Protein backbone atom coordinates (compact mmCIF):
# COMPACT_ATOMS: atom_id res chain seq x y z
CA MET A 1 85.66 72.46 95.19
CA GLU A 2 84.07 75.44 93.73
CA LEU A 3 83.97 78.87 95.87
CA ALA A 4 81.44 81.28 95.90
CA ILE A 5 82.60 84.56 96.92
CA HIS A 6 79.86 86.19 98.96
CA THR A 7 79.64 89.98 98.68
CA GLU A 8 76.34 90.62 100.37
CA VAL A 9 76.42 93.78 102.85
CA PRO A 10 76.44 92.22 106.66
CA GLU A 11 73.46 93.13 108.92
CA SER A 12 73.97 96.36 110.84
CA ALA A 13 75.17 96.03 114.30
CA PRO A 14 72.78 97.35 116.94
CA GLY A 15 72.98 101.19 117.16
CA LEU A 16 74.37 101.71 113.95
CA SER A 17 72.35 101.68 110.49
CA VAL A 18 74.06 101.13 106.82
CA ALA A 19 73.46 103.93 104.88
CA ALA A 20 74.66 102.70 101.42
CA SER A 21 73.90 106.29 99.99
CA ASN A 22 76.49 108.13 102.08
CA PRO A 23 79.58 108.34 99.88
CA HIS A 24 81.48 108.80 102.90
CA LYS A 25 82.08 105.36 104.88
CA VAL A 26 83.76 107.15 108.03
CA THR A 27 83.49 110.56 109.10
CA ALA A 28 85.42 112.09 111.89
CA LYS A 29 84.52 115.34 113.23
CA SER A 30 86.63 117.60 115.72
CA VAL A 31 88.20 114.42 117.06
CA ASP A 32 90.77 115.10 120.12
CA VAL A 33 92.23 112.36 121.76
CA TYR A 34 94.29 112.49 125.28
CA TYR A 35 96.37 110.18 127.03
CA GLY A 36 95.95 111.50 130.28
CA ASP A 37 97.03 114.95 130.16
CA LYS A 38 99.02 114.67 126.91
CA GLN A 39 96.99 115.61 123.73
CA ALA A 40 97.71 113.01 120.98
CA LEU A 41 95.15 114.35 118.26
CA LYS A 42 93.78 117.68 117.76
CA SER A 43 90.42 118.67 116.18
CA ILE A 44 90.88 115.98 113.40
CA ASN A 45 88.43 116.42 110.58
CA LEU A 46 88.38 113.61 107.89
CA ASP A 47 85.81 111.95 105.46
CA ILE A 48 86.87 108.62 104.37
CA PRO A 49 85.43 107.34 101.10
CA SER A 50 84.01 103.86 100.64
CA ASN A 51 85.97 101.21 98.50
CA MET A 52 89.34 103.00 98.40
CA VAL A 53 92.51 102.48 100.38
CA THR A 54 92.92 105.79 102.48
CA ALA A 55 96.63 105.86 103.77
CA LEU A 56 97.55 107.48 107.04
CA ILE A 57 101.36 108.97 106.95
CA GLY A 58 103.43 110.91 109.10
CA PRO A 59 106.52 110.77 111.44
CA SER A 60 106.46 108.19 114.47
CA GLY A 61 104.41 109.41 117.25
CA CYS A 62 102.39 112.11 115.09
CA GLY A 63 98.91 110.33 115.94
CA LYS A 64 98.02 108.21 112.65
CA SER A 65 97.83 104.89 114.75
CA THR A 66 96.11 106.71 117.62
CA PHE A 67 93.51 107.63 114.86
CA LEU A 68 93.10 104.31 113.28
CA ARG A 69 92.40 102.92 116.83
CA CYS A 70 89.59 105.39 117.34
CA LEU A 71 87.93 103.95 114.42
CA ASN A 72 86.97 100.71 116.04
CA ARG A 73 87.13 101.84 119.44
CA MET A 74 90.42 100.05 120.36
CA ASN A 75 91.34 102.97 122.52
CA ASP A 76 88.49 102.07 124.67
CA VAL A 77 91.02 99.32 126.34
CA VAL A 78 93.68 101.85 126.78
CA ASP A 79 93.79 103.32 130.46
CA GLY A 80 93.52 106.81 130.67
CA CYS A 81 92.65 107.39 126.94
CA ARG A 82 90.04 109.88 126.10
CA VAL A 83 88.33 110.39 122.87
CA GLU A 84 86.27 113.69 122.19
CA GLY A 85 84.17 114.61 119.20
CA GLU A 86 82.41 112.28 116.62
CA ILE A 87 83.35 109.49 114.41
CA LYS A 88 80.66 108.21 112.13
CA LEU A 89 80.34 104.92 110.34
CA ASP A 90 77.72 105.08 107.58
CA GLY A 91 76.20 108.29 109.20
CA GLU A 92 75.81 106.98 112.81
CA ASN A 93 78.10 107.96 115.80
CA ILE A 94 80.27 104.77 116.59
CA TYR A 95 80.63 106.63 120.34
CA ALA A 96 76.94 107.10 120.91
CA LYS A 97 75.43 105.21 123.76
CA GLY A 98 74.23 101.87 123.24
CA VAL A 99 76.48 100.93 120.45
CA ASP A 100 77.47 97.13 120.73
CA VAL A 101 81.40 97.37 120.44
CA VAL A 102 81.64 93.72 119.90
CA HIS A 103 79.38 94.24 116.78
CA LEU A 104 81.26 97.27 115.85
CA ARG A 105 84.45 95.60 115.55
CA ALA A 106 83.12 92.86 113.50
CA ARG A 107 82.18 95.57 110.85
CA VAL A 108 85.68 97.53 111.47
CA GLY A 109 88.31 94.68 111.18
CA MET A 110 91.88 95.08 112.18
CA VAL A 111 95.22 93.61 110.95
CA PHE A 112 98.31 94.62 113.03
CA GLN A 113 101.84 95.41 112.52
CA LYS A 114 103.20 92.05 113.31
CA PRO A 115 101.50 88.89 112.24
CA ASN A 116 99.76 87.62 115.29
CA PRO A 117 97.86 84.11 114.26
CA PHE A 118 96.43 82.32 117.40
CA PRO A 119 98.14 79.27 118.60
CA LYS A 120 95.49 77.10 116.77
CA SER A 121 95.14 75.43 113.32
CA ILE A 122 94.74 77.56 110.08
CA TYR A 123 91.23 76.53 110.03
CA ASP A 124 90.41 77.29 113.53
CA ASN A 125 92.06 80.73 112.99
CA VAL A 126 89.77 81.73 110.38
CA ALA A 127 86.80 79.95 112.20
CA TYR A 128 87.30 81.82 115.50
CA GLY A 129 85.32 85.21 114.34
CA PRO A 130 82.44 83.44 112.66
CA LYS A 131 82.12 81.16 115.73
CA ILE A 132 81.91 83.82 118.28
CA HIS A 133 79.37 85.90 116.11
CA GLY A 134 77.18 82.81 115.17
CA LEU A 135 77.48 83.14 111.48
CA ALA A 136 77.66 79.53 110.67
CA ARG A 137 74.74 77.50 111.14
CA SER A 138 76.68 74.03 110.16
CA ARG A 139 79.94 72.52 109.94
CA ALA A 140 79.23 73.02 106.05
CA ASP A 141 78.70 76.86 106.75
CA MET A 142 81.95 77.18 108.52
CA ASP A 143 83.85 75.41 105.83
CA GLU A 144 82.50 77.59 103.19
CA ILE A 145 83.58 80.80 105.02
CA VAL A 146 86.67 79.48 105.78
CA LEU A 147 87.70 78.68 102.43
CA ASN A 148 86.04 81.80 101.07
CA SER A 149 88.00 83.96 103.46
CA LEU A 150 91.44 82.21 102.71
CA GLU A 151 90.47 82.52 99.03
CA LYS A 152 90.07 86.19 99.23
CA ALA A 153 93.13 86.60 100.92
CA GLY A 154 95.19 84.97 98.58
CA LEU A 155 96.17 81.95 100.87
CA LEU A 156 93.97 79.20 99.96
CA ALA A 157 96.32 77.65 97.16
CA GLU A 158 99.14 77.64 99.59
CA VAL A 159 97.38 75.84 102.68
CA ARG A 160 94.42 73.92 101.09
CA ASP A 161 96.25 70.53 102.17
CA ARG A 162 97.21 71.73 105.82
CA LEU A 163 94.30 73.50 107.05
CA ASP A 164 94.53 71.19 110.54
CA ALA A 165 98.43 72.72 110.86
CA PRO A 166 99.26 75.43 113.13
CA GLY A 167 98.82 79.09 111.86
CA THR A 168 102.03 79.86 113.64
CA GLY A 169 104.00 77.40 111.48
CA LEU A 170 103.37 79.71 108.26
CA SER A 171 105.68 81.93 106.98
CA GLY A 172 105.70 85.72 108.09
CA GLY A 173 104.16 86.66 104.92
CA GLN A 174 101.50 83.90 105.10
CA GLN A 175 100.67 84.63 108.67
CA GLN A 176 99.57 88.17 107.70
CA ARG A 177 97.56 86.90 105.05
CA LEU A 178 95.96 84.42 107.59
CA CYS A 179 95.29 87.18 109.82
CA ILE A 180 93.64 89.26 106.96
CA ALA A 181 91.62 86.25 106.12
CA ARG A 182 90.72 85.99 109.94
CA ALA A 183 89.45 89.72 109.81
CA ILE A 184 87.42 89.12 106.49
CA ALA A 185 85.81 85.97 107.99
CA VAL A 186 83.28 87.90 109.88
CA GLU A 187 82.14 90.04 106.70
CA PRO A 188 83.46 93.34 107.80
CA GLU A 189 82.87 96.56 105.89
CA VAL A 190 86.00 98.49 106.69
CA ILE A 191 89.40 96.99 107.42
CA LEU A 192 92.12 98.81 109.45
CA MET A 193 95.77 98.08 108.91
CA ASP A 194 98.44 99.31 111.08
CA GLU A 195 101.77 99.03 109.19
CA PRO A 196 100.91 95.40 107.86
CA CYS A 197 103.88 94.95 105.70
CA SER A 198 106.47 96.45 108.24
CA ALA A 199 107.60 92.88 109.59
CA LEU A 200 107.68 91.25 105.98
CA ASP A 201 110.33 90.89 103.45
CA PRO A 202 109.89 92.50 99.99
CA ILE A 203 108.44 89.65 98.25
CA ALA A 204 105.81 89.01 100.95
CA THR A 205 105.26 92.84 100.99
CA ALA A 206 104.35 92.77 97.18
CA LYS A 207 101.75 90.03 97.88
CA ILE A 208 100.09 91.90 100.65
CA GLU A 209 100.00 95.11 98.53
CA GLU A 210 98.43 93.15 95.87
CA LEU A 211 95.72 91.62 97.87
CA ILE A 212 95.11 95.17 99.36
CA ASP A 213 94.43 96.71 95.85
CA GLU A 214 92.00 93.47 95.06
CA LEU A 215 90.00 93.64 98.68
CA LYS A 216 89.17 97.21 98.01
CA GLU A 217 86.62 96.14 95.76
CA ASN A 218 84.67 94.91 98.48
CA TYR A 219 86.11 96.68 101.67
CA THR A 220 87.12 100.19 102.44
CA ILE A 221 90.71 99.92 103.78
CA ILE A 222 92.33 102.70 105.97
CA MET A 223 95.86 101.88 106.29
CA VAL A 224 98.76 103.19 108.70
CA THR A 225 102.33 102.99 106.71
CA HIS A 226 105.66 104.28 107.39
CA SER A 227 106.45 103.86 103.68
CA MET A 228 105.53 106.69 101.22
CA GLN A 229 106.28 104.50 98.30
CA GLN A 230 103.73 102.06 99.85
CA ALA A 231 101.18 104.70 100.22
CA ALA A 232 101.82 105.99 96.67
CA ARG A 233 101.69 102.54 95.33
CA VAL A 234 98.34 101.21 96.88
CA SER A 235 96.25 104.10 98.29
CA GLN A 236 93.97 106.62 96.49
CA LYS A 237 93.42 108.88 99.41
CA THR A 238 96.52 109.88 101.82
CA ALA A 239 95.94 111.72 105.03
CA PHE A 240 99.41 113.42 106.64
CA PHE A 241 99.61 113.68 110.30
CA HIS A 242 102.19 115.81 112.34
CA LEU A 243 102.33 116.46 115.87
CA GLY A 244 98.67 115.32 116.51
CA ASP A 245 97.31 117.41 113.50
CA LEU A 246 96.02 116.48 110.48
CA VAL A 247 97.95 118.83 107.96
CA GLU A 248 96.83 117.71 104.75
CA TYR A 249 94.41 115.26 103.14
CA GLY A 250 93.34 114.43 99.66
CA ASP A 251 93.88 112.35 96.41
CA THR A 252 97.28 110.33 96.87
CA GLN A 253 98.80 111.74 93.73
CA GLY A 254 98.27 115.18 94.73
CA ILE A 255 99.92 114.92 98.20
CA PHE A 256 102.67 113.46 96.64
CA THR A 257 103.51 115.50 93.49
CA ASN A 258 101.68 118.74 94.58
CA PRO A 259 101.23 119.23 98.48
CA LYS A 260 99.60 122.30 99.43
CA ASP A 261 101.16 122.61 102.88
CA GLU A 262 104.94 123.16 103.68
CA ARG A 263 105.20 120.68 106.52
CA THR A 264 103.73 118.14 103.78
CA GLN A 265 106.29 118.91 101.20
CA ALA A 266 109.18 118.59 103.89
CA TYR A 267 108.04 115.26 104.69
CA VAL A 268 107.29 113.49 101.39
CA THR A 269 110.79 114.95 100.14
CA GLY A 270 112.57 113.53 103.21
CA ARG A 271 113.40 116.79 104.88
CA ILE A 272 111.41 115.82 107.80
CA GLY A 273 110.69 112.28 109.22
């Protein structure tokens, strides 16, 4: 079967318009996040470009995963969490009144730290999102979406003959690629990755990193990683968070070879962590 890889821009979600001319896919302005009385992020300002990999690095508890979850409003489901400031996707505030959060999360997909396939078949894992969002008019449409997504995730060759097998029966690395296939099946524009390789062995990690490099051609990728080596290998931009502050942000090579802030220097050389 020949697979046609679709790259058309998905329709805009209600309340959010696509502004292709904007060089910044995501813009955060004066973002503060509180968990109850505790402030987790302090006045974050960050412009994230399209079709690049942006790595968020920093010690545990510094706010990088909190910031990531702001970008698809996952913090909405956390009791006592309050987000202030402005986060824009294609120039439109995702926290504005009337924004459809379900559509937002279709445009901004997420891959978690531990692979979390649904207790369904490989096929149904990938078909789940398109079914909910009504993206397939027929079984043939759905077949094309599923095969396309598995192909883009670098998994099709390994599972083509067992699409009815449970997704939970795959190896850890395959499960993570299945979760990536599931995320891209609804044609998102942005993919958030929260330490996507931390539960994987080095060989599976290398495959995911290769995949990330390919995916940036069609998606904007923002990833949290504890591995500075990984950030250096796969990202073009790096943001260093420390104690809720965005300390430094710029080209990855510059952050690692010529950091401007002493705290960044101390982190990338292993003096703090």
